[in-house]
Amino acid sequence: MTTRTVRAEEIAATLADHAAWLARTGGKRADLSGTNLRGADLSEANLSGANLWGADLEGADLRGADLSGAKVADGWHLVKN
């Protein structure tokens, strides 16, 4: 899968849209599939249900992030315990 590069501002806008989608107040589900997120600060981000398939998360700060139900591979979703 080809990895696309996005700026921090684009990631922030995607997370804001995703938050609105989760709250059912508009927005849309985050689709960060195939995105270069190396070293991105995603700490405390609510990415539940987001599409992260093929995203490069090497070195990304995911401390406190909610990844429940996030799609990480074709047919695979993370489950919150």
N, C-alpha and C. Protein backbone atom coordinates (compact mmCIF):
# COMPACT_ATOMS: atom_id res chain seq x y z
N MET A 1 0.85 -1.19 0.00
CA MET A 1 0.00 0.00 0.00
C MET A 1 0.89 1.24 0.00
N THR A 2 0.52 2.20 -0.81
CA THR A 2 1.25 3.46 -0.88
C THR A 2 0.92 4.30 0.34
N THR A 3 1.95 4.89 0.94
CA THR A 3 1.74 5.74 2.10
C THR A 3 1.69 7.20 1.66
N ARG A 4 0.67 7.91 2.09
CA ARG A 4 0.57 9.34 1.76
C ARG A 4 0.98 10.15 2.98
N THR A 5 1.60 11.27 2.72
CA THR A 5 2.07 12.14 3.80
C THR A 5 1.08 13.28 4.00
N VAL A 6 0.77 13.57 5.27
CA VAL A 6 -0.12 14.67 5.60
C VAL A 6 0.54 15.56 6.65
N ARG A 7 0.15 16.82 6.66
CA ARG A 7 0.67 17.76 7.64
C ARG A 7 -0.10 17.62 8.95
N ALA A 8 0.50 18.11 10.03
CA ALA A 8 -0.12 18.06 11.35
C ALA A 8 -1.49 18.74 11.35
N GLU A 9 -1.64 19.82 10.58
CA GLU A 9 -2.91 20.53 10.51
C GLU A 9 -4.00 19.65 9.90
N GLU A 10 -3.63 18.86 8.89
CA GLU A 10 -4.60 17.95 8.26
C GLU A 10 -5.02 16.85 9.23
N ILE A 11 -4.07 16.35 10.00
CA ILE A 11 -4.39 15.33 11.01
C ILE A 11 -5.34 15.91 12.03
N ALA A 12 -5.07 17.12 12.49
CA ALA A 12 -5.93 17.78 13.49
C ALA A 12 -7.34 17.97 12.94
N ALA A 13 -7.46 18.37 11.68
CA ALA A 13 -8.78 18.56 11.07
C ALA A 13 -9.51 17.23 10.94
N THR A 14 -8.79 16.18 10.59
CA THR A 14 -9.39 14.85 10.48
C THR A 14 -9.89 14.39 11.84
N LEU A 15 -9.10 14.63 12.89
CA LEU A 15 -9.51 14.23 14.24
C LEU A 15 -10.73 15.03 14.71
N ALA A 16 -10.79 16.30 14.35
CA ALA A 16 -11.95 17.12 14.72
C ALA A 16 -13.21 16.62 14.01
N ASP A 17 -13.10 16.30 12.72
CA ASP A 17 -14.24 15.75 11.98
C ASP A 17 -14.68 14.42 12.58
N HIS A 18 -13.70 13.60 12.97
CA HIS A 18 -14.00 12.30 13.56
C HIS A 18 -14.72 12.46 14.90
N ALA A 19 -14.28 13.42 15.69
CA ALA A 19 -14.92 13.68 16.99
C ALA A 19 -16.38 14.08 16.78
N ALA A 20 -16.65 14.91 15.77
CA ALA A 20 -18.02 15.32 15.48
C ALA A 20 -18.84 14.12 15.00
N TRP A 21 -18.21 13.25 14.20
CA TRP A 21 -18.89 12.04 13.72
C TRP A 21 -19.24 11.14 14.90
N LEU A 22 -18.31 10.97 15.84
CA LEU A 22 -18.56 10.15 17.01
C LEU A 22 -19.68 10.72 17.87
N ALA A 23 -19.76 12.04 17.95
CA ALA A 23 -20.79 12.71 18.75
C ALA A 23 -22.11 12.83 17.98
N ARG A 24 -22.11 12.36 16.75
CA ARG A 24 -23.29 12.42 15.88
C ARG A 24 -23.76 13.87 15.65
N THR A 25 -22.78 14.76 15.52
CA THR A 25 -23.10 16.16 15.27
C THR A 25 -22.56 16.62 13.93
N GLY A 26 -22.37 15.67 13.03
CA GLY A 26 -21.80 15.99 11.71
C GLY A 26 -20.47 15.29 11.55
N GLY A 27 -19.59 15.93 10.82
CA GLY A 27 -18.26 15.38 10.60
C GLY A 27 -18.30 14.09 9.81
N LYS A 28 -17.20 13.35 9.85
CA LYS A 28 -17.13 12.06 9.17
C LYS A 28 -16.08 11.19 9.84
N ARG A 29 -16.23 9.88 9.62
CA ARG A 29 -15.30 8.91 10.20
C ARG A 29 -13.89 9.18 9.66
N ALA A 30 -12.90 9.11 10.55
CA ALA A 30 -11.52 9.34 10.14
C ALA A 30 -11.05 8.22 9.24
N ASP A 31 -10.52 8.58 8.08
CA ASP A 31 -9.90 7.63 7.17
C ASP A 31 -8.44 8.04 7.01
N LEU A 32 -7.60 7.40 7.81
CA LEU A 32 -6.16 7.66 7.76
C LEU A 32 -5.44 6.46 7.15
N SER A 33 -6.18 5.70 6.36
CA SER A 33 -5.59 4.52 5.72
C SER A 33 -4.45 4.95 4.80
N GLY A 34 -3.36 4.20 4.87
CA GLY A 34 -2.23 4.47 4.01
C GLY A 34 -1.52 5.78 4.30
N THR A 35 -1.74 6.35 5.46
CA THR A 35 -1.15 7.65 5.80
C THR A 35 0.15 7.48 6.58
N ASN A 36 1.12 8.32 6.29
CA ASN A 36 2.37 8.35 7.04
C ASN A 36 2.13 9.14 8.33
N LEU A 37 2.01 8.41 9.44
CA LEU A 37 1.80 9.04 10.75
C LEU A 37 3.01 8.85 11.64
N ARG A 38 4.17 8.60 11.03
CA ARG A 38 5.41 8.42 11.80
C ARG A 38 5.65 9.62 12.70
N GLY A 39 5.80 9.34 13.99
CA GLY A 39 6.12 10.39 14.95
C GLY A 39 4.97 11.34 15.26
N ALA A 40 3.79 11.07 14.74
CA ALA A 40 2.64 11.97 14.98
C ALA A 40 2.21 11.91 16.44
N ASP A 41 1.78 13.03 16.96
CA ASP A 41 1.25 13.08 18.33
C ASP A 41 -0.24 12.79 18.28
N LEU A 42 -0.59 11.55 18.57
CA LEU A 42 -1.98 11.12 18.61
C LEU A 42 -2.40 10.79 20.03
N SER A 43 -1.62 11.29 21.00
CA SER A 43 -1.92 11.02 22.40
C SER A 43 -3.29 11.57 22.75
N GLU A 44 -4.05 10.77 23.48
CA GLU A 44 -5.39 11.11 23.95
C GLU A 44 -6.41 11.25 22.81
N ALA A 45 -6.04 10.94 21.58
CA ALA A 45 -6.97 11.04 20.45
C ALA A 45 -8.02 9.94 20.52
N ASN A 46 -9.24 10.26 20.19
CA ASN A 46 -10.29 9.25 20.11
C ASN A 46 -10.37 8.80 18.67
N LEU A 47 -9.75 7.66 18.39
CA LEU A 47 -9.74 7.09 17.04
C LEU A 47 -10.62 5.86 16.96
N SER A 48 -11.56 5.73 17.89
CA SER A 48 -12.42 4.55 17.86
C SER A 48 -13.20 4.53 16.55
N GLY A 49 -13.15 3.38 15.90
CA GLY A 49 -13.84 3.21 14.64
C GLY A 49 -13.13 3.79 13.43
N ALA A 50 -11.97 4.39 13.62
CA ALA A 50 -11.24 5.01 12.50
C ALA A 50 -10.63 3.96 11.59
N ASN A 51 -10.39 4.32 10.34
CA ASN A 51 -9.72 3.43 9.39
C ASN A 51 -8.23 3.77 9.39
N LEU A 52 -7.43 2.87 9.95
CA LEU A 52 -5.98 3.06 10.02
C LEU A 52 -5.25 1.99 9.21
N TRP A 53 -5.99 1.29 8.34
CA TRP A 53 -5.40 0.20 7.58
C TRP A 53 -4.24 0.71 6.73
N GLY A 54 -3.08 0.11 6.91
CA GLY A 54 -1.91 0.48 6.12
C GLY A 54 -1.23 1.76 6.57
N ALA A 55 -1.69 2.38 7.64
CA ALA A 55 -1.04 3.61 8.14
C ALA A 55 0.29 3.25 8.77
N ASP A 56 1.27 4.11 8.59
CA ASP A 56 2.59 3.92 9.20
C ASP A 56 2.59 4.66 10.53
N LEU A 57 2.51 3.90 11.62
CA LEU A 57 2.43 4.48 12.96
C LEU A 57 3.75 4.38 13.72
N GLU A 58 4.83 4.08 13.03
CA GLU A 58 6.11 3.93 13.71
C GLU A 58 6.48 5.22 14.45
N GLY A 59 6.72 5.09 15.73
CA GLY A 59 7.12 6.23 16.54
C GLY A 59 5.99 7.19 16.90
N ALA A 60 4.77 6.88 16.48
CA ALA A 60 3.63 7.76 16.80
C ALA A 60 3.34 7.66 18.30
N ASP A 61 2.96 8.76 18.91
CA ASP A 61 2.61 8.79 20.32
C ASP A 61 1.13 8.45 20.44
N LEU A 62 0.84 7.23 20.90
CA LEU A 62 -0.53 6.77 21.03
C LEU A 62 -0.95 6.64 22.49
N ARG A 63 -0.16 7.24 23.40
CA ARG A 63 -0.50 7.16 24.82
C ARG A 63 -1.89 7.74 25.08
N GLY A 64 -2.73 6.92 25.69
CA GLY A 64 -4.07 7.37 26.05
C GLY A 64 -5.05 7.43 24.89
N ALA A 65 -4.62 7.06 23.70
CA ALA A 65 -5.52 7.10 22.54
C ALA A 65 -6.53 5.97 22.62
N ASP A 66 -7.74 6.23 22.17
CA ASP A 66 -8.79 5.21 22.12
C ASP A 66 -8.82 4.67 20.69
N LEU A 67 -8.38 3.43 20.54
CA LEU A 67 -8.33 2.78 19.23
C LEU A 67 -9.36 1.66 19.11
N SER A 68 -10.33 1.63 20.02
CA SER A 68 -11.32 0.55 20.00
C SER A 68 -12.10 0.59 18.68
N GLY A 69 -12.20 -0.56 18.06
CA GLY A 69 -12.92 -0.67 16.81
C GLY A 69 -12.22 -0.09 15.60
N ALA A 70 -10.99 0.38 15.78
CA ALA A 70 -10.25 0.95 14.65
C ALA A 70 -9.85 -0.17 13.69
N LYS A 71 -9.98 0.09 12.40
CA LYS A 71 -9.59 -0.89 11.39
C LYS A 71 -8.09 -0.75 11.15
N VAL A 72 -7.37 -1.83 11.42
CA VAL A 72 -5.91 -1.79 11.29
C VAL A 72 -5.40 -2.69 10.17
N ALA A 73 -6.23 -3.58 9.68
CA ALA A 73 -5.89 -4.45 8.56
C ALA A 73 -7.20 -4.92 7.93
N ASP A 74 -7.12 -5.42 6.74
CA ASP A 74 -8.32 -5.86 6.05
C ASP A 74 -9.03 -6.92 6.89
N GLY A 75 -10.20 -6.59 7.38
CA GLY A 75 -10.98 -7.51 8.18
C GLY A 75 -10.61 -7.54 9.67
N TRP A 76 -9.64 -6.75 10.09
CA TRP A 76 -9.19 -6.76 11.50
C TRP A 76 -9.55 -5.41 12.14
N HIS A 77 -10.13 -5.50 13.33
CA HIS A 77 -10.47 -4.32 14.12
C HIS A 77 -9.97 -4.51 15.54
N LEU A 78 -9.53 -3.44 16.16
CA LEU A 78 -9.09 -3.51 17.54
C LEU A 78 -10.30 -3.55 18.46
N VAL A 79 -10.18 -4.30 19.52
CA VAL A 79 -11.28 -4.45 20.48
C VAL A 79 -10.81 -3.91 21.82
N LYS A 80 -11.64 -3.09 22.45
CA LYS A 80 -11.32 -2.54 23.75
C LYS A 80 -11.67 -3.57 24.82
N ASN A 81 -10.74 -3.85 25.72
CA ASN A 81 -10.98 -4.81 26.80
C ASN A 81 -11.65 -4.12 27.96
